[in-house]
C-alpha atoms as a PDB file:
ATOM      1  CA  MET A   1      11.551   8.737   2.979  1.00  0.00           C
ATOM      2  CA  SER A   2       8.692   6.576   1.536  1.00  0.00           C
ATOM      3  CA  LEU A   3       6.325   7.945   3.740  1.00  0.00           C
ATOM      4  CA  ARG A   4       7.460  11.482   2.450  1.00  0.00           C
ATOM      5  CA  ASN A   5       7.194  10.606  -1.113  1.00  0.00           C
ATOM      6  CA  ALA A   6       3.707   9.039  -0.341  1.00  0.00           C
ATOM      7  CA  LEU A   7       2.549  12.416   1.239  1.00  0.00           C
ATOM      8  CA  LEU A   8       4.069  14.215  -1.774  1.00  0.00           C
ATOM      9  CA  ALA A   9       2.305  11.997  -4.131  1.00  0.00           C
ATOM     10  CA  MET A  10      -0.809  12.810  -2.183  1.00  0.00           C
ATOM     11  CA  LEU A  11      -0.243  16.592  -2.486  1.00  0.00           C
ATOM     12  CA  THR A  12       0.442  16.701  -6.211  1.00  0.00           C
ATOM     13  CA  SER A  13      -3.353  16.250  -6.791  1.00  0.00           C
ATOM     14  CA  GLN A  14      -4.613  19.097  -4.792  1.00  0.00           C
ATOM     15  CA  PRO A  15      -3.986  21.218  -1.624  1.00  0.00           C
ATOM     16  CA  MET A  16      -5.177  19.442   1.501  1.00  0.00           C
ATOM     17  CA  THR A  17      -5.539  20.033   5.233  1.00  0.00           C
ATOM     18  CA  GLY A  18      -3.820  17.524   7.565  1.00  0.00           C
ATOM     19  CA  TYR A  19      -7.050  15.851   8.039  1.00  0.00           C
ATOM     20  CA  ASP A  20      -8.018  15.756   4.269  1.00  0.00           C
ATOM     21  CA  VAL A  21      -4.470  14.299   3.821  1.00  0.00           C
ATOM     22  CA  TYR A  22      -5.005  11.625   6.539  1.00  0.00           C
ATOM     23  CA  LYS A  23      -8.530  10.735   5.268  1.00  0.00           C
ATOM     24  CA  ASN A  24      -7.630  10.501   1.389  1.00  0.00           C
ATOM     25  CA  PHE A  25      -4.502   8.537   2.495  1.00  0.00           C
ATOM     26  CA  GLN A  26      -6.538   5.555   3.629  1.00  0.00           C
ATOM     27  CA  THR A  27      -8.466   5.321   0.203  1.00  0.00           C
ATOM     28  CA  SER A  28      -5.298   5.913  -1.945  1.00  0.00           C
ATOM     29  CA  VAL A  29      -1.635   5.542  -1.314  1.00  0.00           C
ATOM     30  CA  GLY A  30      -2.715   3.819   2.073  1.00  0.00           C
ATOM     31  CA  TYR A  31      -3.399   0.714   0.136  1.00  0.00           C
ATOM     32  CA  VAL A  32       0.134   0.385  -0.639  1.00  0.00           C
ATOM     33  CA  TRP A  33       1.821   2.332   2.099  1.00  0.00           C
ATOM     34  CA  HIS A  34       0.253   2.034   5.580  1.00  0.00           C
ATOM     35  CA  ALA A  35       0.879   4.908   7.991  1.00  0.00           C
ATOM     36  CA  PRO A  36      -1.069   5.936  11.265  1.00  0.00           C
ATOM     37  CA  ASP A  37      -2.042   9.642  11.817  1.00  0.00           C
ATOM     38  CA  SER A  38       0.763   9.684  14.621  1.00  0.00           C
ATOM     39  CA  GLN A  39       3.345   9.462  11.810  1.00  0.00           C
ATOM     40  CA  ILE A  40       1.455  11.428   8.999  1.00  0.00           C
ATOM     41  CA  TYR A  41       0.981  14.710  10.954  1.00  0.00           C
ATOM     42  CA  PRO A  42       4.515  14.997  12.298  1.00  0.00           C
ATOM     43  CA  GLU A  43       6.060  14.280   8.776  1.00  0.00           C
ATOM     44  CA  LEU A  44       3.865  16.937   7.468  1.00  0.00           C
ATOM     45  CA  ARG A  45       5.589  19.355   9.750  1.00  0.00           C
ATOM     46  CA  ARG A  46       9.014  18.048   8.927  1.00  0.00           C
ATOM     47  CA  MET A  47       8.178  18.566   5.310  1.00  0.00           C
ATOM     48  CA  GLU A  48       7.049  22.236   5.597  1.00  0.00           C
ATOM     49  CA  GLN A  49      10.159  22.815   7.680  1.00  0.00           C
ATOM     50  CA  ASP A  50      12.322  21.474   4.736  1.00  0.00           C
ATOM     51  CA  GLY A  51      10.350  23.666   2.090  1.00  0.00           C
ATOM     52  CA  LEU A  52       8.768  20.734   0.254  1.00  0.00           C
ATOM     53  CA  ILE A  53       5.178  21.886   1.165  1.00  0.00           C
ATOM     54  CA  ARG A  54       3.730  25.155   2.006  1.00  0.00           C
ATOM     55  CA  GLY A  55       1.175  25.438   4.998  1.00  0.00           C
ATOM     56  CA  GLU A  56      -1.544  28.258   5.207  1.00  0.00           C
ATOM     57  CA  SER A  57      -4.429  28.927   7.475  1.00  0.00           C
ATOM     58  CA  VAL A  58      -7.829  28.324   6.164  1.00  0.00           C
ATOM     59  CA  GLN A  59     -11.340  28.689   7.755  1.00  0.00           C
ATOM     60  CA  TRP A  60     -12.686  25.765   9.394  1.00  0.00           C
ATOM     61  CA  GLY A  61     -16.116  25.860  10.906  1.00  0.00           C
ATOM     62  CA  LYS A  62     -17.421  29.138  12.284  1.00  0.00           C
ATOM     63  CA  ARG A  63     -14.254  30.164  14.411  1.00  0.00           C
ATOM     64  CA  GLY A  64     -11.837  27.660  13.823  1.00  0.00           C
ATOM     65  CA  THR A  65      -8.825  27.487  11.238  1.00  0.00           C
ATOM     66  CA  LYS A  66      -7.071  24.536   9.772  1.00  0.00           C
ATOM     67  CA  LYS A  67      -3.624  24.371   8.007  1.00  0.00           C
ATOM     68  CA  ARG A  68      -3.849  23.574   4.355  1.00  0.00           C
ATOM     69  CA  TYR A  69      -0.784  22.240   2.697  1.00  0.00           C
ATOM     70  CA  SER A  70       0.260  22.435  -1.111  1.00  0.00           C
ATOM     71  CA  ILE A  71       3.161  21.097  -2.614  1.00  0.00           C
ATOM     72  CA  THR A  72       6.076  23.535  -3.462  1.00  0.00           C
ATOM     73  CA  GLU A  73       8.325  23.570  -6.645  1.00  0.00           C
ATOM     74  CA  ALA A  74      11.306  22.188  -4.254  1.00  0.00           C
ATOM     75  CA  GLY A  75       8.648  19.301  -3.173  1.00  0.00           C
ATOM     76  CA  VAL A  76       7.790  18.518  -7.060  1.00  0.00           C
ATOM     77  CA  GLU A  77      11.511  18.437  -7.729  1.00  0.00           C
ATOM     78  CA  SER A  78      12.150  16.215  -4.686  1.00  0.00           C
ATOM     79  CA  PHE A  79       9.095  13.692  -5.648  1.00  0.00           C
ATOM     80  CA  GLN A  80      10.254  13.587  -9.348  1.00  0.00           C
ATOM     81  CA  THR A  81      13.989  12.998  -8.289  1.00  0.00           C
ATOM     82  CA  TRP A  82      12.813   9.946  -6.221  1.00  0.00           C
ATOM     83  CA  LEU A  83      10.687   8.681  -9.102  1.00  0.00           C
ATOM     84  CA  ASN A  84      13.610   8.944 -11.647  1.00  0.00           C
ATOM     85  CA  ALA A  85      16.149   7.315  -9.127  1.00  0.00           C
ATOM     86  CA  PRO A  86      16.892   3.463  -9.352  1.00  0.00           C
ATOM     87  CA  PRO A  87      14.659   1.751  -6.726  1.00  0.00           C
ATOM     88  CA  GLU A  88      16.238   0.890  -3.462  1.00  0.00           C
ATOM     89  CA  TYR A  89      15.944  -2.404  -1.847  1.00  0.00           C
ATOM     90  CA  GLN A  90      16.202  -3.501   1.749  1.00  0.00           C
ATOM     91  CA  ARG A  91      17.293  -6.718   3.213  1.00  0.00           C
ATOM     92  CA  GLU A  92      14.368  -9.009   4.147  1.00  0.00           C
ATOM     93  CA  ARG A  93      12.509  -8.686   7.494  1.00  0.00           C
ATOM     94  CA  ASP A  94       9.870 -11.163   6.964  1.00  0.00           C
ATOM     95  CA  PRO A  95       8.116 -12.252  10.286  1.00  0.00           C
ATOM     96  CA  VAL A  96       5.813 -14.765   8.487  1.00  0.00           C
ATOM     97  CA  ARG A  97       8.596 -16.641   6.843  1.00  0.00           C
ATOM     98  CA  LEU A  98      10.704 -16.440  10.037  1.00  0.00           C
ATOM     99  CA  ARG A  99       7.827 -18.221  11.861  1.00  0.00           C
ATOM    100  CA  ALA A 100       7.138 -20.829   9.086  1.00  0.00           C
ATOM    101  CA  ALA A 101      10.899 -21.879   9.438  1.00  0.00           C
ATOM    102  CA  TYR A 102      10.552 -23.055  12.809  1.00  0.00           C
ATOM    103  CA  LEU A 103       6.858 -24.626  12.859  1.00  0.00           C
ATOM    104  CA  GLU A 104       8.504 -27.766  13.940  1.00  0.00           C
ATOM    105  CA  TRP A 105       8.165 -26.142  17.503  1.00  0.00           C
ATOM    106  CA  ALA A 106       4.587 -25.250  17.137  1.00  0.00           C
ATOM    107  CA  GLU A 107       1.474 -27.707  17.610  1.00  0.00           C
ATOM    108  CA  PRO A 108       0.240 -29.040  14.277  1.00  0.00           C
ATOM    109  CA  LYS A 109      -3.120 -27.062  14.855  1.00  0.00           C
ATOM    110  CA  ALA A 110      -1.326 -24.038  15.514  1.00  0.00           C
ATOM    111  CA  SER A 111       0.594 -24.350  12.206  1.00  0.00           C
ATOM    112  CA  THR A 112      -2.690 -25.123  10.293  1.00  0.00           C
ATOM    113  CA  GLU A 113      -4.278 -22.014  11.758  1.00  0.00           C
ATOM    114  CA  PHE A 114      -1.233 -20.160  10.923  1.00  0.00           C
ATOM    115  CA  PHE A 115      -1.381 -21.079   7.094  1.00  0.00           C
ATOM    116  CA  ARG A 116      -5.209 -20.559   7.320  1.00  0.00           C
ATOM    117  CA  ALA A 117      -5.137 -17.105   8.700  1.00  0.00           C
ATOM    118  CA  HIS A 118      -2.324 -16.285   5.778  1.00  0.00           C
ATOM    119  CA  VAL A 119      -4.832 -17.471   3.202  1.00  0.00           C
ATOM    120  CA  ALA A 120      -7.932 -15.586   4.711  1.00  0.00           C
ATOM    121  CA  TYR A 121      -5.736 -12.300   5.258  1.00  0.00           C
ATOM    122  CA  HIS A 122      -4.536 -12.184   1.578  1.00  0.00           C
ATOM    123  CA  SER A 123      -7.873 -13.139   0.210  1.00  0.00           C
ATOM    124  CA  SER A 124      -9.370 -10.070   2.052  1.00  0.00           C
ATOM    125  CA  ARG A 125      -6.645  -7.834   0.635  1.00  0.00           C
ATOM    126  CA  ILE A 126      -7.289  -9.286  -2.848  1.00  0.00           C
ATOM    127  CA  GLU A 127     -10.951  -8.149  -2.324  1.00  0.00           C
ATOM    128  CA  ASP A 128      -9.945  -4.480  -1.398  1.00  0.00           C
ATOM    129  CA  TRP A 129      -7.531  -4.070  -4.110  1.00  0.00           C
ATOM    130  CA  GLU A 130     -10.003  -5.327  -6.823  1.00  0.00           C
ATOM    131  CA  ASP A 131     -12.410  -2.831  -5.544  1.00  0.00           C
ATOM    132  CA  MET A 132      -9.861  -0.025  -5.736  1.00  0.00           C
ATOM    133  CA  ILE A 133      -8.992  -1.061  -9.316  1.00  0.00           C
ATOM    134  CA  ARG A 134     -12.786  -0.850 -10.094  1.00  0.00           C
ATOM    135  CA  ALA A 135     -12.693   2.659  -8.625  1.00  0.00           C
ATOM    136  CA  LEU A 136      -9.919   3.631 -10.586  1.00  0.00           C
ATOM    137  CA  ARG A 137     -11.196   2.524 -13.995  1.00  0.00           C
ATOM    138  CA  ASP A 138     -14.497   4.065 -13.449  1.00  0.00           C
ATOM    139  CA  HIS A 139     -12.987   7.203 -11.881  1.00  0.00           C
ATOM    140  CA  SER A 140     -15.142   7.209  -8.725  1.00  0.00           C
ATOM    141  CA  ASN A 141     -12.078   7.025  -6.445  1.00  0.00           C
ATOM    142  CA  PRO A 142     -12.263  10.915  -5.306  1.00  0.00           C
ATOM    143  CA  THR A 143      -8.381  11.242  -5.326  1.00  0.00           C
ATOM    144  CA  LEU A 144      -8.091  10.077  -8.861  1.00  0.00           C
ATOM    145  CA  ALA A 145     -11.076  12.137 -10.016  1.00  0.00           C
ATOM    146  CA  LYS A 146      -9.378  15.286  -8.615  1.00  0.00           C
ATOM    147  CA  ARG A 147      -6.104  14.172 -10.153  1.00  0.00           C
ATOM    148  CA  ILE A 148      -7.324  13.763 -13.621  1.00  0.00           C
ATOM    149  CA  GLU A 149      -9.739  16.840 -13.456  1.00  0.00           C
ATOM    150  CA  GLY A 150      -9.423  18.847 -16.702  1.00  0.00           C
ATOM    151  CA  LYS A 151      -6.770  16.626 -18.138  1.00  0.00           C
ATOM    152  CA  PRO A 152      -6.939  15.445 -21.923  1.00  0.00           C
ATOM    153  CA  ALA A 153      -8.339  11.994 -22.133  1.00  0.00           C
ATOM    154  CA  ASP A 154      -5.099  10.406 -23.033  1.00  0.00           C
ATOM    155  CA  GLU A 155      -3.293  11.888 -20.117  1.00  0.00           C
ATOM    156  CA  ALA A 156      -6.189  10.757 -17.664  1.00  0.00           C
ATOM    157  CA  ALA A 157      -5.937   7.301 -19.323  1.00  0.00           C
ATOM    158  CA  ARG A 158      -1.951   7.274 -18.555  1.00  0.00           C
ATOM    159  CA  ILE A 159      -2.379   8.317 -14.951  1.00  0.00           C
ATOM    160  CA  THR A 160      -5.134   5.806 -14.444  1.00  0.00           C
ATOM    161  CA  ALA A 161      -3.234   2.926 -16.300  1.00  0.00           C
ATOM    162  CA  TYR A 162      -0.132   3.302 -13.938  1.00  0.00           C
ATOM    163  CA  LYS A 163      -2.220   3.141 -10.872  1.00  0.00           C
ATOM    164  CA  VAL A 164      -4.067   0.113 -11.954  1.00  0.00           C
ATOM    165  CA  PHE A 165      -1.034  -1.544 -12.744  1.00  0.00           C
ATOM    166  CA  ALA A 166       0.525  -1.027  -9.271  1.00  0.00           C
ATOM    167  CA  TYR A 167      -2.606  -2.475  -7.676  1.00  0.00           C
ATOM    168  CA  GLU A 168      -2.618  -5.387 -10.123  1.00  0.00           C
ATOM    169  CA  GLY A 169       1.018  -6.093  -8.854  1.00  0.00           C
ATOM    170  CA  MET A 170      -0.306  -6.287  -5.394  1.00  0.00           C
ATOM    171  CA  ILE A 171      -2.976  -8.701  -6.123  1.00  0.00           C
ATOM    172  CA  ALA A 172      -0.384 -11.092  -8.036  1.00  0.00           C
ATOM    173  CA  ARG A 173       1.746 -10.989  -4.873  1.00  0.00           C
ATOM    174  CA  ALA A 174      -1.173 -11.788  -2.732  1.00  0.00           C
ATOM    175  CA  ARG A 175      -2.086 -14.573  -5.053  1.00  0.00           C
ATOM    176  CA  ALA A 176       1.317 -16.156  -4.585  1.00  0.00           C
ATOM    177  CA  GLU A 177       1.044 -15.798  -0.969  1.00  0.00           C
ATOM    178  CA  ILE A 178      -2.009 -17.696  -0.878  1.00  0.00           C
ATOM    179  CA  ALA A 179      -0.506 -20.491  -2.990  1.00  0.00           C
ATOM    180  CA  TRP A 180       2.421 -20.752  -0.626  1.00  0.00           C
ATOM    181  CA  ALA A 181       0.156 -20.965   2.254  1.00  0.00           C
ATOM    182  CA  LYS A 182      -1.700 -23.639   0.814  1.00  0.00           C
ATOM    183  CA  ARG A 183       1.210 -25.464   0.152  1.00  0.00           C
ATOM    184  CA  GLY A 184       1.941 -25.045   3.623  1.00  0.00           C
ATOM    185  CA  LEU A 185      -1.296 -26.658   4.820  1.00  0.00           C
ATOM    186  CA  GLU A 186      -0.319 -29.678   2.525  1.00  0.00           C
ATOM    187  CA  LEU A 187       2.963 -29.961   4.137  1.00  0.00           C
ATOM    188  CA  VAL A 188       1.479 -29.919   7.779  1.00  0.00           C
ATOM    189  CA  GLU A 189      -0.909 -32.677   6.894  1.00  0.00           C
ATOM    190  CA  GLN A 190       1.893 -34.808   5.119  1.00  0.00           C
ATOM    191  CA  LEU A 191       4.292 -34.331   7.983  1.00  0.00           C
ATOM    192  CA  GLU A 192       1.599 -35.276  10.489  1.00  0.00           C
ATOM    193  CA  ALA A 193       0.865 -38.247   8.336  1.00  0.00           C
ATOM    194  CA  GLY A 194       4.550 -39.299   8.664  1.00  0.00           C
ATOM    195  CA  ILE A 195       5.624 -38.242   5.209  1.00  0.00           C
ATOM    196  CA  SER A 196       8.734 -36.151   5.534  1.00  0.00           C
ATOM    197  CA  ARG A 197       9.073 -34.965   1.889  1.00  0.00           C
ATOM    198  CA  PRO A 198       7.631 -31.592   1.328  1.00  0.00           C
ATOM    199  CA  PRO A 199       5.285 -31.156  -1.537  1.00  0.00           C
ATOM    200  CA  ASP A 200       7.003 -30.376  -4.735  1.00  0.00           C
ATOM    201  CA  ASP A 201       5.037 -28.702  -7.740  1.00  0.00           C
ATOM    202  CA  GLY A 202       7.592 -26.203  -8.744  1.00  0.00           C
ATOM    203  CA  GLY A 203       5.605 -23.660  -6.964  1.00  0.00           C
ATOM    204  CA  THR A 204       3.094 -23.684  -9.697  1.00  0.00           C
ATOM    205  CA  ARG A 205       0.008 -25.041  -7.669  1.00  0.00           C
ATOM    206  CA  PRO A 206      -2.644 -22.277  -6.994  1.00  0.00           C
END
């Protein structure tokens, strides 16, 4: 259902072909909800069958055609119902924390590389999200630009502010992951030095 709502979110900006949905997905909601094309195209077909979107054939090249999707009233209603409902949380399935809990079975070098990789990954994601925030704020993100086209300034600012806020949350979470991994590196070092007590800084060390 989350993929469905992510696709509905995309289509609230403008009608798109399946290819356009996939392409724009990677530069907008794909930053917060990953999905490959093998999931996107079948879901679009199911959404059309359920009446949430409408597909029409449009010219593609000299002889070809593509199906272009637009959101229906039922789709808008479904999307708004999801947004207005309380959030649903799932029980944790965290492979990173699962692995960390059993690092006593790993070689010290492997444990160190595990935490370093975690720092590198989340540092890279922060850079991506900071780039996205800049593109949102200057309206150079094409999906946002289309969404706010013709909107009054206050409405455009409201649309932009919520999206920036979402990515700021992603950055804050990534920074917390980096801080946790850095404490993990200290823990490996201390344990290998024969110090059994893990570092205790109240979770505030950067």
